[in-house]
């Protein structure tokens, strides 16, 4: 599911973003691989991938957010129900979100699911994820010079919405946290 080939990183300002130094902004990959700058102020492109989620009731093409700041992997409840993904166990956890003064204690269902990238001959992996009502909404896919250069050089992007011309704002169905990050990237 990960991309092959990475551009040279250009460290940005203290925020960790990348900067463009020429008159015509050129997209660069940040040193942390967290942000691609496309010459637009206050714009960060998230690490997303289009995937198939496979379950007993079939498969669904979905948008996945890769979040190296999350400890756990999460799956949207509607998708888990649609695909018939069954509960392994219930887990009670303290969830700490950005800006929250105290953690929120929740009991979530742990499920097992199969993921496969959309690239031809992509391999499947089986992971566990915690079911949550909602994850987030990803911004519409933006065409970038960086992505165009990768495609022209034969690289398959993890988020293939450019190939399908699907530039809608989409709900994220799976969030991959640090528990499975190195298995999917």
Protein backbone atom coordinates (compact mmCIF):
# COMPACT_ATOMS: atom_id res chain seq x y z
CA UNK A 1 0.00 0.00 0.00
CA UNK A 2 2.88 2.44 0.56
CA UNK A 3 4.40 4.57 -2.15
CA UNK A 4 7.67 3.58 -3.69
CA UNK A 5 10.25 6.26 -4.25
CA UNK A 6 10.40 9.35 -2.12
CA UNK A 7 11.54 12.83 -3.09
CA UNK A 8 14.35 14.54 -1.24
CA UNK A 9 13.03 16.05 1.97
CA UNK A 10 13.24 19.77 2.52
CA UNK A 11 12.80 20.70 6.18
CA UNK A 12 10.39 23.54 6.72
CA UNK A 13 9.76 25.96 9.54
CA UNK A 14 9.41 24.99 13.20
CA UNK A 15 5.95 23.60 12.49
CA UNK A 16 7.52 20.69 10.60
CA UNK A 17 6.04 21.73 7.26
CA UNK A 18 7.90 21.96 4.01
CA UNK A 19 8.70 25.19 2.24
CA UNK A 20 9.17 26.16 -1.36
CA UNK A 21 11.98 28.64 -2.03
CA UNK A 22 11.58 29.54 -5.70
CA UNK A 23 9.22 32.10 -7.25
CA UNK A 24 7.11 29.25 -8.60
CA UNK A 25 6.30 27.04 -5.59
CA UNK A 26 7.43 23.47 -6.05
CA UNK A 27 5.91 20.76 -3.86
CA UNK A 28 8.30 19.19 -1.41
CA UNK A 29 7.97 16.37 1.06
CA UNK A 30 8.56 17.39 4.66
CA UNK A 31 11.28 15.76 6.71
CA UNK A 32 8.62 13.93 8.72
CA UNK A 33 6.65 12.85 5.64
CA UNK A 34 3.65 14.47 7.29
CA UNK A 35 3.00 17.44 5.03
CA UNK A 36 3.27 18.24 1.37
CA UNK A 37 3.38 21.95 0.62
CA UNK A 38 1.79 22.90 -2.67
CA UNK A 39 2.47 26.60 -2.47
CA UNK A 40 -0.82 27.38 -0.74
CA UNK A 41 -0.69 28.89 2.75
CA UNK A 42 -2.18 26.89 5.62
CA UNK A 43 -2.72 23.79 3.50
CA UNK A 44 -1.59 20.37 4.65
CA UNK A 45 -2.29 17.22 2.71
CA UNK A 46 -2.91 14.25 4.96
CA UNK A 47 -1.31 10.83 4.48
CA UNK A 48 -4.19 8.96 2.88
CA UNK A 49 -4.56 5.78 0.88
CA UNK A 50 -7.38 4.20 -1.04
CA UNK A 51 -7.87 0.59 0.01
CA UNK A 52 -10.28 -2.30 -0.10
CA UNK A 53 -11.69 -3.51 3.21
CA UNK A 54 -12.72 -7.15 2.93
CA UNK A 55 -15.21 -8.86 5.23
CA UNK A 56 -17.74 -11.71 5.29
CA UNK A 57 -20.33 -9.57 3.42
CA UNK A 58 -17.99 -8.51 0.59
CA UNK A 59 -15.48 -5.74 -0.01
CA UNK A 60 -15.64 -1.97 0.04
CA UNK A 61 -13.38 0.60 -1.55
CA UNK A 62 -12.48 3.01 1.24
CA UNK A 63 -10.31 5.92 2.25
CA UNK A 64 -7.67 5.23 4.87
CA UNK A 65 -5.86 7.84 6.97
CA UNK A 66 -2.34 6.93 8.10
CA UNK A 67 -1.82 8.63 11.45
CA UNK A 68 1.56 8.21 13.13
CA UNK A 69 0.23 10.24 16.07
CA UNK A 70 -2.43 7.63 16.93
CA UNK A 71 -1.56 4.62 19.06
CA UNK A 72 -4.41 2.46 17.76
CA UNK A 73 -6.16 1.61 14.52
CA UNK A 74 -9.83 2.56 14.16
CA UNK A 75 -12.62 1.49 11.80
CA UNK A 76 -15.83 3.39 11.17
CA UNK A 77 -18.84 1.63 12.69
CA UNK A 78 -21.01 1.83 9.54
CA UNK A 79 -18.31 0.04 7.52
CA UNK A 80 -17.87 -2.68 10.17
CA UNK A 81 -21.63 -3.35 10.08
CA UNK A 82 -21.87 -3.22 6.28
CA UNK A 83 -19.08 -5.78 5.86
CA UNK A 84 -20.22 -8.03 8.73
CA UNK A 85 -17.00 -7.65 10.73
CA UNK A 86 -17.40 -9.45 14.05
CA UNK A 87 -16.28 -8.40 17.51
CA UNK A 88 -13.24 -10.14 19.02
CA UNK A 89 -13.60 -8.41 22.39
CA UNK A 90 -14.57 -5.15 24.04
CA UNK A 91 -11.76 -2.84 25.17
CA UNK A 92 -12.07 0.04 27.59
CA UNK A 93 -9.63 2.82 26.93
CA UNK A 94 -8.86 6.42 27.79
CA UNK A 95 -8.95 8.53 24.64
CA UNK A 96 -6.97 11.75 24.71
CA UNK A 97 -7.64 14.18 21.89
CA UNK A 98 -5.95 17.41 20.92
CA UNK A 99 -6.90 20.23 23.26
CA UNK A 100 -8.84 18.05 25.71
CA UNK A 101 -8.15 18.73 29.39
CA UNK A 102 -8.98 15.17 30.43
CA UNK A 103 -9.25 11.80 28.69
CA UNK A 104 -12.60 10.38 27.64
CA UNK A 105 -13.12 6.78 28.81
CA UNK A 106 -14.89 4.63 26.23
CA UNK A 107 -15.51 0.95 25.65
CA UNK A 108 -14.97 0.05 22.00
CA UNK A 109 -15.35 -3.19 20.06
CA UNK A 110 -12.16 -4.75 18.70
CA UNK A 111 -12.65 -6.33 15.28
CA UNK A 112 -10.47 -8.12 12.75
CA UNK A 113 -10.45 -6.97 9.14
CA UNK A 114 -8.60 -7.61 5.92
CA UNK A 115 -7.11 -4.69 3.99
CA UNK A 116 -5.75 -4.65 0.46
CA UNK A 117 -4.33 -1.80 -1.56
CA UNK A 118 -5.93 -0.84 -4.87
CA UNK A 119 -2.77 -1.33 -6.94
CA UNK A 120 -2.71 -4.37 -9.21
CA UNK A 121 -1.43 -7.44 -7.34
CA UNK A 122 -1.51 -5.61 -3.99
CA UNK A 123 -1.10 -7.92 -1.01
CA UNK A 124 -3.71 -8.31 1.72
CA UNK A 125 -3.04 -8.02 5.42
CA UNK A 126 -5.22 -8.88 8.39
CA UNK A 127 -5.28 -6.37 11.22
CA UNK A 128 -7.38 -5.54 14.27
CA UNK A 129 -9.12 -2.21 14.74
CA UNK A 130 -11.34 -0.50 17.26
CA UNK A 131 -14.82 0.44 16.07
CA UNK A 132 -15.78 4.10 16.36
CA UNK A 133 -18.80 6.03 15.14
CA UNK A 134 -16.75 8.49 13.08
CA UNK A 135 -13.10 9.20 12.29
CA UNK A 136 -12.86 12.37 10.18
CA UNK A 137 -13.50 13.73 6.70
CA UNK A 138 -10.59 14.06 4.30
CA UNK A 139 -10.35 17.11 2.08
CA UNK A 140 -10.91 16.65 -1.65
CA UNK A 141 -7.96 15.16 -3.52
CA UNK A 142 -5.74 17.90 -4.92
CA UNK A 143 -3.68 17.40 -8.05
CA UNK A 144 -0.09 18.36 -7.28
CA UNK A 145 3.03 18.63 -9.38
CA UNK A 146 4.69 16.21 -6.93
CA UNK A 147 2.04 13.54 -7.54
CA UNK A 148 2.21 14.09 -11.29
CA UNK A 149 6.00 13.60 -11.28
CA UNK A 150 5.64 10.33 -9.33
CA UNK A 151 2.93 9.03 -11.68
CA UNK A 152 4.95 9.93 -14.79
CA UNK A 153 7.90 7.99 -13.37
CA UNK A 154 5.73 4.88 -12.97
CA UNK A 155 5.12 5.10 -9.22
CA UNK A 156 1.77 3.94 -7.89
CA UNK A 157 0.40 6.38 -5.32
CA UNK A 158 -1.23 5.00 -2.18
CA UNK A 159 -4.14 7.40 -2.70
CA UNK A 160 -5.27 6.72 -6.24
CA UNK A 161 -8.17 9.18 -6.33
CA UNK A 162 -6.28 11.12 -9.03
CA UNK A 163 -6.55 8.11 -11.33
CA UNK A 164 -10.29 7.82 -10.79
CA UNK A 165 -10.78 11.60 -10.91
CA UNK A 166 -12.63 11.29 -7.62
CA UNK A 167 -11.85 14.61 -5.99
CA UNK A 168 -14.77 14.66 -3.58
CA UNK A 169 -14.43 15.23 0.15
CA UNK A 170 -14.67 11.71 1.60
CA UNK A 171 -15.28 10.27 5.02
CA UNK A 172 -12.30 8.29 6.32
CA UNK A 173 -13.30 4.66 6.95
CA UNK A 174 -10.06 3.39 8.52
CA UNK A 175 -7.40 5.17 10.56
CA UNK A 176 -4.14 3.23 10.73
CA UNK A 177 -2.30 4.02 13.96
CA UNK A 178 1.17 3.09 15.16
CA UNK A 179 0.02 -0.45 16.04
CA UNK A 180 -0.02 -1.37 12.31
CA UNK A 181 1.81 1.53 10.64
CA UNK A 182 4.91 -0.47 9.69
CA UNK A 183 2.84 -3.30 8.22
CA UNK A 184 1.02 -1.04 5.78
CA UNK A 185 3.69 1.48 4.78
